[in-house]
Amino acid sequence: MNIQELKCFVVVADRLNFTRAAKELYVTPPTVTHHIQHLEEELGVKLFIRDSKSVQLTTAVKSFIMMLMISYYVWKLFLIV
């Protein structure tokens, strides 16, 4: 697990869209997919329910996401300042 994987996780969770997350993170959608898959393998849990038209959060990670999102946006805020 690394910071790039966690950033991908937080942005996908916020946007519920891999393509939009990739654009925001300045990476390709396959890179986002790779990071999410690696994170899911390492944690041993599915983070998203995805099909060709939608992305949803799994029940197991909804509360965890809120803590990560807060941490990510605070970190991002300090980079801007």
C-alpha atoms as a PDB file:
ATOM      1  CA  MET A   1       0.000   0.000   0.000  1.00  0.00           C
ATOM      2  CA  ASN A   2       1.342   3.399  -0.911  1.00  0.00           C
ATOM      3  CA  ILE A   3       0.155   6.992  -0.972  1.00  0.00           C
ATOM      4  CA  GLN A   4      -0.714   6.880  -4.697  1.00  0.00           C
ATOM      5  CA  GLU A   5      -3.007   3.887  -4.142  1.00  0.00           C
ATOM      6  CA  LEU A   6      -4.675   5.602  -1.207  1.00  0.00           C
ATOM      7  CA  LYS A   7      -5.105   8.814  -3.204  1.00  0.00           C
ATOM      8  CA  CYS A   8      -6.727   6.831  -6.021  1.00  0.00           C
ATOM      9  CA  PHE A   9      -9.016   5.136  -3.543  1.00  0.00           C
ATOM     10  CA  VAL A  10     -10.138   8.413  -1.982  1.00  0.00           C
ATOM     11  CA  VAL A  11     -10.725  10.199  -5.297  1.00  0.00           C
ATOM     12  CA  VAL A  12     -12.601   7.264  -6.860  1.00  0.00           C
ATOM     13  CA  ALA A  13     -14.693   7.003  -3.690  1.00  0.00           C
ATOM     14  CA  ASP A  14     -15.461  10.709  -3.874  1.00  0.00           C
ATOM     15  CA  ARG A  15     -16.203  10.827  -7.613  1.00  0.00           C
ATOM     16  CA  LEU A  16     -17.579   7.272  -8.022  1.00  0.00           C
ATOM     17  CA  ASN A  17     -16.000   7.335 -11.454  1.00  0.00           C
ATOM     18  CA  PHE A  18     -12.617   5.904 -12.473  1.00  0.00           C
ATOM     19  CA  THR A  19     -12.216   8.176 -15.506  1.00  0.00           C
ATOM     20  CA  ARG A  20     -12.905  11.380 -13.583  1.00  0.00           C
ATOM     21  CA  ALA A  21     -10.574  10.229 -10.820  1.00  0.00           C
ATOM     22  CA  ALA A  22      -7.838   9.568 -13.367  1.00  0.00           C
ATOM     23  CA  LYS A  23      -8.226  13.061 -14.827  1.00  0.00           C
ATOM     24  CA  GLU A  24      -8.065  14.658 -11.392  1.00  0.00           C
ATOM     25  CA  LEU A  25      -4.969  12.652 -10.478  1.00  0.00           C
ATOM     26  CA  TYR A  26      -3.304  13.223 -13.882  1.00  0.00           C
ATOM     27  CA  VAL A  27      -2.995   9.500 -14.599  1.00  0.00           C
ATOM     28  CA  THR A  28      -4.684   7.109 -17.019  1.00  0.00           C
ATOM     29  CA  PRO A  29      -7.843   5.161 -16.097  1.00  0.00           C
ATOM     30  CA  PRO A  30      -5.941   1.827 -16.332  1.00  0.00           C
ATOM     31  CA  THR A  31      -3.466   3.189 -13.771  1.00  0.00           C
ATOM     32  CA  VAL A  32      -6.322   3.978 -11.386  1.00  0.00           C
ATOM     33  CA  THR A  33      -7.759   0.501 -11.959  1.00  0.00           C
ATOM     34  CA  HIS A  34      -4.372  -1.077 -11.266  1.00  0.00           C
ATOM     35  CA  HIS A  35      -3.925   0.874  -8.025  1.00  0.00           C
ATOM     36  CA  ILE A  36      -7.411  -0.036  -6.812  1.00  0.00           C
ATOM     37  CA  GLN A  37      -6.965  -3.713  -7.680  1.00  0.00           C
ATOM     38  CA  HIS A  38      -3.623  -3.825  -5.874  1.00  0.00           C
ATOM     39  CA  LEU A  39      -5.136  -2.169  -2.818  1.00  0.00           C
ATOM     40  CA  GLU A  40      -8.071  -4.611  -2.852  1.00  0.00           C
ATOM     41  CA  GLU A  41      -5.672  -7.565  -3.079  1.00  0.00           C
ATOM     42  CA  GLU A  42      -3.502  -6.263  -0.277  1.00  0.00           C
ATOM     43  CA  LEU A  43      -6.459  -5.525   2.019  1.00  0.00           C
ATOM     44  CA  GLY A  44      -8.332  -8.686   1.048  1.00  0.00           C
ATOM     45  CA  VAL A  45     -11.594  -6.836   0.533  1.00  0.00           C
ATOM     46  CA  LYS A  46     -13.480  -5.376  -2.412  1.00  0.00           C
ATOM     47  CA  LEU A  47     -13.611  -1.609  -2.128  1.00  0.00           C
ATOM     48  CA  PHE A  48     -16.042  -0.916  -4.966  1.00  0.00           C
ATOM     49  CA  ILE A  49     -18.947  -2.607  -6.679  1.00  0.00           C
ATOM     50  CA  ARG A  50     -18.419  -1.783 -10.322  1.00  0.00           C
ATOM     51  CA  ASP A  51     -20.063  -2.558 -13.617  1.00  0.00           C
ATOM     52  CA  SER A  52     -19.871  -0.936 -17.028  1.00  0.00           C
ATOM     53  CA  LYS A  53     -22.155   1.940 -15.995  1.00  0.00           C
ATOM     54  CA  SER A  54     -21.590   2.639 -12.325  1.00  0.00           C
ATOM     55  CA  VAL A  55     -19.264   2.488  -9.351  1.00  0.00           C
ATOM     56  CA  GLN A  56     -20.599   2.039  -5.825  1.00  0.00           C
ATOM     57  CA  LEU A  57     -18.950   1.744  -2.445  1.00  0.00           C
ATOM     58  CA  THR A  58     -19.078  -1.566  -0.630  1.00  0.00           C
ATOM     59  CA  THR A  59     -20.694  -1.576   2.776  1.00  0.00           C
ATOM     60  CA  ALA A  60     -17.433  -2.687   4.359  1.00  0.00           C
ATOM     61  CA  VAL A  61     -15.590   0.521   3.492  1.00  0.00           C
ATOM     62  CA  LYS A  62     -18.121   3.359   3.744  1.00  0.00           C
ATOM     63  CA  SER A  63     -17.042   4.559   7.185  1.00  0.00           C
ATOM     64  CA  PHE A  64     -13.354   3.987   6.432  1.00  0.00           C
ATOM     65  CA  ILE A  65     -13.679   6.209   3.370  1.00  0.00           C
ATOM     66  CA  MET A  66     -14.878   9.168   5.382  1.00  0.00           C
ATOM     67  CA  MET A  67     -11.724   9.095   7.516  1.00  0.00           C
ATOM     68  CA  LEU A  68      -9.477   8.787   4.459  1.00  0.00           C
ATOM     69  CA  MET A  69     -11.290  11.548   2.566  1.00  0.00           C
ATOM     70  CA  ILE A  70     -10.831  13.966   5.422  1.00  0.00           C
ATOM     71  CA  SER A  71      -7.124  13.094   5.637  1.00  0.00           C
ATOM     72  CA  TYR A  72      -6.634  13.427   1.869  1.00  0.00           C
ATOM     73  CA  TYR A  73      -8.303  16.822   1.564  1.00  0.00           C
ATOM     74  CA  VAL A  74      -6.413  18.208   4.554  1.00  0.00           C
ATOM     75  CA  TRP A  75      -3.172  16.954   2.958  1.00  0.00           C
ATOM     76  CA  LYS A  76      -4.181  18.429  -0.413  1.00  0.00           C
ATOM     77  CA  LEU A  77      -5.019  21.757   1.238  1.00  0.00           C
ATOM     78  CA  PHE A  78      -1.546  21.966   2.771  1.00  0.00           C
ATOM     79  CA  LEU A  79       0.041  21.333  -0.644  1.00  0.00           C
ATOM     80  CA  ILE A  80      -1.823  24.293  -2.129  1.00  0.00           C
ATOM     81  CA  VAL A  81      -0.913  26.720   0.632  1.00  0.00           C
END
